[in-house]
């Protein structure tokens, strides 16, 4: 055997990373739309997802006529920056260890103004002409409502909830 193939001593690898994370905060938010029917509101929701740094959008059983690549109300083209999943079952697409938060007007729903947002949350919104399905509501970890005198449109509701999350997370970090 040639001497060029001699073995070198193995180097010990450090098991823990010494540097600190550069992330501004922990956790994430994603948005899920249950049976969306109106491309205008889907576009507004995608724009909110992009603007408020949602990590993913789930479209559950969306109207086939909605083309997320051609929504006039999404000028930032969120699909280029935020993963959008088109699925039948929203819960099959939820990230691991993520709390589901339905946004719906029910008597039992928690008031958004006092709600403490989970670190890892997926906010589920119902269709423009209806409510989050009972099947989904039964599976959700939380149900919250925006205390208004009437229902709001889908795009506006997504914006309010995502802004509330941002405002409360900044307040808790002392900003």
C-alpha atoms as a PDB file:
ATOM      1  CA  UNK A   1       0.000   0.000   0.000  1.00  0.00           C
ATOM      2  CA  UNK A   2       1.159   3.489  -0.792  1.00  0.00           C
ATOM      3  CA  UNK A   3       1.806   5.952   2.023  1.00  0.00           C
ATOM      4  CA  UNK A   4      -0.441   8.576   0.377  1.00  0.00           C
ATOM      5  CA  UNK A   5      -3.490   6.748   1.735  1.00  0.00           C
ATOM      6  CA  UNK A   6      -2.672   7.052   5.422  1.00  0.00           C
ATOM      7  CA  UNK A   7      -5.552   7.941   7.688  1.00  0.00           C
ATOM      8  CA  UNK A   8      -5.735  11.292   9.385  1.00  0.00           C
ATOM      9  CA  UNK A   9      -7.009  11.732  12.919  1.00  0.00           C
ATOM     10  CA  UNK A  10     -10.720  12.612  13.044  1.00  0.00           C
ATOM     11  CA  UNK A  11     -11.504  16.145  14.039  1.00  0.00           C
ATOM     12  CA  UNK A  12     -13.983  16.640  16.887  1.00  0.00           C
ATOM     13  CA  UNK A  13     -17.039  18.553  15.746  1.00  0.00           C
ATOM     14  CA  UNK A  14     -18.635  21.158  17.976  1.00  0.00           C
ATOM     15  CA  UNK A  15     -22.174  20.063  18.848  1.00  0.00           C
ATOM     16  CA  UNK A  16     -23.677  23.460  19.694  1.00  0.00           C
ATOM     17  CA  UNK A  17     -23.791  26.570  17.575  1.00  0.00           C
ATOM     18  CA  UNK A  18     -22.311  29.538  19.410  1.00  0.00           C
ATOM     19  CA  UNK A  19     -23.803  32.319  17.307  1.00  0.00           C
ATOM     20  CA  UNK A  20     -27.189  33.849  18.101  1.00  0.00           C
ATOM     21  CA  UNK A  21     -30.111  33.770  15.719  1.00  0.00           C
ATOM     22  CA  UNK A  22     -30.666  36.824  13.556  1.00  0.00           C
ATOM     23  CA  UNK A  23     -34.434  36.330  13.568  1.00  0.00           C
ATOM     24  CA  UNK A  24     -36.294  39.321  14.977  1.00  0.00           C
ATOM     25  CA  UNK A  25     -38.837  37.139  16.766  1.00  0.00           C
ATOM     26  CA  UNK A  26     -39.913  33.545  17.168  1.00  0.00           C
ATOM     27  CA  UNK A  27     -42.867  31.879  15.577  1.00  0.00           C
ATOM     28  CA  UNK A  28     -44.885  32.372  12.410  1.00  0.00           C
ATOM     29  CA  UNK A  29     -48.341  32.969  11.082  1.00  0.00           C
ATOM     30  CA  UNK A  30     -50.096  31.474   8.117  1.00  0.00           C
ATOM     31  CA  UNK A  31     -53.482  32.193   6.619  1.00  0.00           C
ATOM     32  CA  UNK A  32     -56.096  29.695   5.480  1.00  0.00           C
ATOM     33  CA  UNK A  33     -59.196  30.540   3.483  1.00  0.00           C
ATOM     34  CA  UNK A  34     -62.091  28.094   3.743  1.00  0.00           C
ATOM     35  CA  UNK A  35     -63.986  27.775   0.432  1.00  0.00           C
ATOM     36  CA  UNK A  36     -63.119  31.223  -0.988  1.00  0.00           C
ATOM     37  CA  UNK A  37     -65.382  32.263  -3.864  1.00  0.00           C
ATOM     38  CA  UNK A  38     -64.337  35.813  -4.795  1.00  0.00           C
ATOM     39  CA  UNK A  39     -61.010  36.519  -6.473  1.00  0.00           C
ATOM     40  CA  UNK A  40     -61.088  40.159  -5.345  1.00  0.00           C
ATOM     41  CA  UNK A  41     -61.106  39.151  -1.684  1.00  0.00           C
ATOM     42  CA  UNK A  42     -58.558  36.387  -2.228  1.00  0.00           C
ATOM     43  CA  UNK A  43     -56.280  39.023  -3.775  1.00  0.00           C
ATOM     44  CA  UNK A  44     -56.749  41.322  -0.775  1.00  0.00           C
ATOM     45  CA  UNK A  45     -55.985  38.385   1.527  1.00  0.00           C
ATOM     46  CA  UNK A  46     -52.819  37.495  -0.391  1.00  0.00           C
ATOM     47  CA  UNK A  47     -51.746  41.136  -0.239  1.00  0.00           C
ATOM     48  CA  UNK A  48     -52.242  41.050   3.556  1.00  0.00           C
ATOM     49  CA  UNK A  49     -50.241  37.822   3.757  1.00  0.00           C
ATOM     50  CA  UNK A  50     -47.358  39.465   1.934  1.00  0.00           C
ATOM     51  CA  UNK A  51     -47.607  42.745   3.839  1.00  0.00           C
ATOM     52  CA  UNK A  52     -47.746  41.137   7.275  1.00  0.00           C
ATOM     53  CA  UNK A  53     -45.123  38.452   6.535  1.00  0.00           C
ATOM     54  CA  UNK A  54     -47.338  35.382   6.647  1.00  0.00           C
ATOM     55  CA  UNK A  55     -45.242  32.306   5.954  1.00  0.00           C
ATOM     56  CA  UNK A  56     -47.880  30.459   3.928  1.00  0.00           C
ATOM     57  CA  UNK A  57     -51.415  30.734   2.544  1.00  0.00           C
ATOM     58  CA  UNK A  58     -53.715  27.726   2.362  1.00  0.00           C
ATOM     59  CA  UNK A  59     -56.700  27.855   0.038  1.00  0.00           C
ATOM     60  CA  UNK A  60     -59.146  25.175   1.110  1.00  0.00           C
ATOM     61  CA  UNK A  61     -61.535  24.029  -1.595  1.00  0.00           C
ATOM     62  CA  UNK A  62     -61.345  27.340  -3.493  1.00  0.00           C
ATOM     63  CA  UNK A  63     -63.529  28.235  -6.450  1.00  0.00           C
ATOM     64  CA  UNK A  64     -61.736  26.836  -9.540  1.00  0.00           C
ATOM     65  CA  UNK A  65     -62.301  30.126 -11.392  1.00  0.00           C
ATOM     66  CA  UNK A  66     -59.866  31.925  -9.052  1.00  0.00           C
ATOM     67  CA  UNK A  67     -56.390  32.164 -10.572  1.00  0.00           C
ATOM     68  CA  UNK A  68     -53.950  33.430  -7.921  1.00  0.00           C
ATOM     69  CA  UNK A  69     -51.516  34.542 -10.644  1.00  0.00           C
ATOM     70  CA  UNK A  70     -54.016  37.004 -12.122  1.00  0.00           C
ATOM     71  CA  UNK A  71     -55.645  38.874  -9.232  1.00  0.00           C
ATOM     72  CA  UNK A  72     -55.911  42.638  -9.743  1.00  0.00           C
ATOM     73  CA  UNK A  73     -56.131  43.157  -5.967  1.00  0.00           C
ATOM     74  CA  UNK A  74     -52.748  41.505  -5.410  1.00  0.00           C
ATOM     75  CA  UNK A  75     -50.343  43.911  -7.139  1.00  0.00           C
ATOM     76  CA  UNK A  76     -47.344  42.504  -5.222  1.00  0.00           C
ATOM     77  CA  UNK A  77     -47.976  39.062  -6.715  1.00  0.00           C
ATOM     78  CA  UNK A  78     -47.856  37.308  -3.357  1.00  0.00           C
ATOM     79  CA  UNK A  79     -47.639  33.879  -5.013  1.00  0.00           C
ATOM     80  CA  UNK A  80     -44.062  34.766  -5.972  1.00  0.00           C
ATOM     81  CA  UNK A  81     -43.063  35.367  -2.343  1.00  0.00           C
ATOM     82  CA  UNK A  82     -45.393  33.349  -0.119  1.00  0.00           C
ATOM     83  CA  UNK A  83     -46.140  29.645  -0.679  1.00  0.00           C
ATOM     84  CA  UNK A  84     -49.793  29.133  -1.608  1.00  0.00           C
ATOM     85  CA  UNK A  85     -51.245  25.661  -1.208  1.00  0.00           C
ATOM     86  CA  UNK A  86     -54.518  24.725  -2.882  1.00  0.00           C
ATOM     87  CA  UNK A  87     -56.001  21.817  -0.928  1.00  0.00           C
ATOM     88  CA  UNK A  88     -59.276  20.143  -0.082  1.00  0.00           C
ATOM     89  CA  UNK A  89     -58.510  19.739   3.635  1.00  0.00           C
ATOM     90  CA  UNK A  90     -56.971  22.746   5.417  1.00  0.00           C
ATOM     91  CA  UNK A  91     -55.910  20.639   8.405  1.00  0.00           C
ATOM     92  CA  UNK A  92     -53.919  18.306   6.179  1.00  0.00           C
ATOM     93  CA  UNK A  93     -51.743  21.270   5.205  1.00  0.00           C
ATOM     94  CA  UNK A  94     -51.186  22.830   8.645  1.00  0.00           C
ATOM     95  CA  UNK A  95     -47.566  23.049   9.724  1.00  0.00           C
ATOM     96  CA  UNK A  96     -46.406  20.831  12.589  1.00  0.00           C
ATOM     97  CA  UNK A  97     -47.070  22.188  16.086  1.00  0.00           C
ATOM     98  CA  UNK A  98     -49.208  25.038  14.762  1.00  0.00           C
ATOM     99  CA  UNK A  99     -52.339  26.275  16.559  1.00  0.00           C
ATOM    100  CA  UNK A 100     -55.455  26.682  14.433  1.00  0.00           C
ATOM    101  CA  UNK A 101     -57.400  29.907  15.019  1.00  0.00           C
ATOM    102  CA  UNK A 102     -60.758  30.263  13.289  1.00  0.00           C
ATOM    103  CA  UNK A 103     -61.998  33.800  12.817  1.00  0.00           C
ATOM    104  CA  UNK A 104     -65.762  33.655  13.087  1.00  0.00           C
ATOM    105  CA  UNK A 105     -68.643  35.457  14.762  1.00  0.00           C
ATOM    106  CA  UNK A 106     -70.035  33.039  17.338  1.00  0.00           C
ATOM    107  CA  UNK A 107     -71.293  33.561  20.892  1.00  0.00           C
ATOM    108  CA  UNK A 108     -68.432  31.445  22.275  1.00  0.00           C
ATOM    109  CA  UNK A 109     -65.667  33.128  20.251  1.00  0.00           C
ATOM    110  CA  UNK A 110     -62.916  34.991  22.089  1.00  0.00           C
ATOM    111  CA  UNK A 111     -62.709  38.731  21.531  1.00  0.00           C
ATOM    112  CA  UNK A 112     -59.762  39.577  19.261  1.00  0.00           C
ATOM    113  CA  UNK A 113     -58.973  42.711  21.282  1.00  0.00           C
ATOM    114  CA  UNK A 114     -57.956  40.593  24.288  1.00  0.00           C
ATOM    115  CA  UNK A 115     -56.740  37.468  22.444  1.00  0.00           C
ATOM    116  CA  UNK A 116     -53.130  36.391  23.045  1.00  0.00           C
ATOM    117  CA  UNK A 117     -51.895  35.123  19.678  1.00  0.00           C
ATOM    118  CA  UNK A 118     -50.086  31.757  19.696  1.00  0.00           C
ATOM    119  CA  UNK A 119     -46.414  31.775  18.728  1.00  0.00           C
ATOM    120  CA  UNK A 120     -47.149  29.502  15.740  1.00  0.00           C
ATOM    121  CA  UNK A 121     -50.641  30.068  14.362  1.00  0.00           C
ATOM    122  CA  UNK A 122     -52.726  29.438  11.286  1.00  0.00           C
ATOM    123  CA  UNK A 123     -55.681  31.822  11.020  1.00  0.00           C
ATOM    124  CA  UNK A 124     -58.661  30.279   9.236  1.00  0.00           C
ATOM    125  CA  UNK A 125     -61.214  32.561   7.563  1.00  0.00           C
ATOM    126  CA  UNK A 126     -64.562  31.596   6.067  1.00  0.00           C
ATOM    127  CA  UNK A 127     -65.939  32.371   2.622  1.00  0.00           C
ATOM    128  CA  UNK A 128     -67.283  35.786   1.670  1.00  0.00           C
ATOM    129  CA  UNK A 129     -70.901  34.672   1.671  1.00  0.00           C
ATOM    130  CA  UNK A 130     -70.847  32.365   4.678  1.00  0.00           C
ATOM    131  CA  UNK A 131     -69.048  31.094   7.731  1.00  0.00           C
ATOM    132  CA  UNK A 132     -66.152  28.827   8.565  1.00  0.00           C
ATOM    133  CA  UNK A 133     -67.612  25.323   8.294  1.00  0.00           C
ATOM    134  CA  UNK A 134     -68.789  23.600  11.483  1.00  0.00           C
ATOM    135  CA  UNK A 135     -66.388  20.747  10.704  1.00  0.00           C
ATOM    136  CA  UNK A 136     -63.433  23.153  10.773  1.00  0.00           C
ATOM    137  CA  UNK A 137     -64.705  25.068  13.825  1.00  0.00           C
ATOM    138  CA  UNK A 138     -64.907  21.804  15.782  1.00  0.00           C
ATOM    139  CA  UNK A 139     -61.226  21.062  15.072  1.00  0.00           C
ATOM    140  CA  UNK A 140     -59.816  24.524  15.821  1.00  0.00           C
ATOM    141  CA  UNK A 141     -57.771  25.257  18.923  1.00  0.00           C
ATOM    142  CA  UNK A 142     -59.312  28.749  19.184  1.00  0.00           C
ATOM    143  CA  UNK A 143     -62.194  30.715  17.705  1.00  0.00           C
ATOM    144  CA  UNK A 144     -61.903  34.498  17.752  1.00  0.00           C
ATOM    145  CA  UNK A 145     -64.163  37.297  16.585  1.00  0.00           C
ATOM    146  CA  UNK A 146     -63.649  40.915  15.708  1.00  0.00           C
ATOM    147  CA  UNK A 147     -66.119  42.888  17.855  1.00  0.00           C
ATOM    148  CA  UNK A 148     -68.057  44.755  15.166  1.00  0.00           C
ATOM    149  CA  UNK A 149     -71.717  45.565  14.730  1.00  0.00           C
ATOM    150  CA  UNK A 150     -71.794  43.681  11.401  1.00  0.00           C
ATOM    151  CA  UNK A 151     -69.746  41.156   9.499  1.00  0.00           C
ATOM    152  CA  UNK A 152     -66.759  42.387   7.504  1.00  0.00           C
ATOM    153  CA  UNK A 153     -65.566  41.289   4.105  1.00  0.00           C
ATOM    154  CA  UNK A 154     -62.878  38.625   3.893  1.00  0.00           C
ATOM    155  CA  UNK A 155     -59.991  40.840   2.804  1.00  0.00           C
ATOM    156  CA  UNK A 156     -60.637  43.389   5.546  1.00  0.00           C
ATOM    157  CA  UNK A 157     -60.931  40.675   8.197  1.00  0.00           C
ATOM    158  CA  UNK A 158     -57.590  39.122   7.226  1.00  0.00           C
ATOM    159  CA  UNK A 159     -55.908  42.531   7.407  1.00  0.00           C
ATOM    160  CA  UNK A 160     -57.344  43.309  10.848  1.00  0.00           C
ATOM    161  CA  UNK A 161     -56.321  39.964  12.353  1.00  0.00           C
ATOM    162  CA  UNK A 162     -52.813  40.086  10.902  1.00  0.00           C
ATOM    163  CA  UNK A 163     -52.345  43.689  12.068  1.00  0.00           C
ATOM    164  CA  UNK A 164     -53.546  42.752  15.566  1.00  0.00           C
ATOM    165  CA  UNK A 165     -50.966  39.947  15.687  1.00  0.00           C
ATOM    166  CA  UNK A 166     -48.200  42.308  14.576  1.00  0.00           C
ATOM    167  CA  UNK A 167     -49.188  45.077  16.997  1.00  0.00           C
ATOM    168  CA  UNK A 168     -49.387  42.728  19.973  1.00  0.00           C
ATOM    169  CA  UNK A 169     -46.116  40.962  19.137  1.00  0.00           C
ATOM    170  CA  UNK A 170     -44.286  44.299  18.951  1.00  0.00           C
ATOM    171  CA  UNK A 171     -45.844  45.449  22.221  1.00  0.00           C
ATOM    172  CA  UNK A 172     -44.723  42.276  24.016  1.00  0.00           C
ATOM    173  CA  UNK A 173     -41.176  42.696  22.729  1.00  0.00           C
ATOM    174  CA  UNK A 174     -41.019  46.236  24.065  1.00  0.00           C
ATOM    175  CA  UNK A 175     -40.961  48.065  20.710  1.00  0.00           C
END
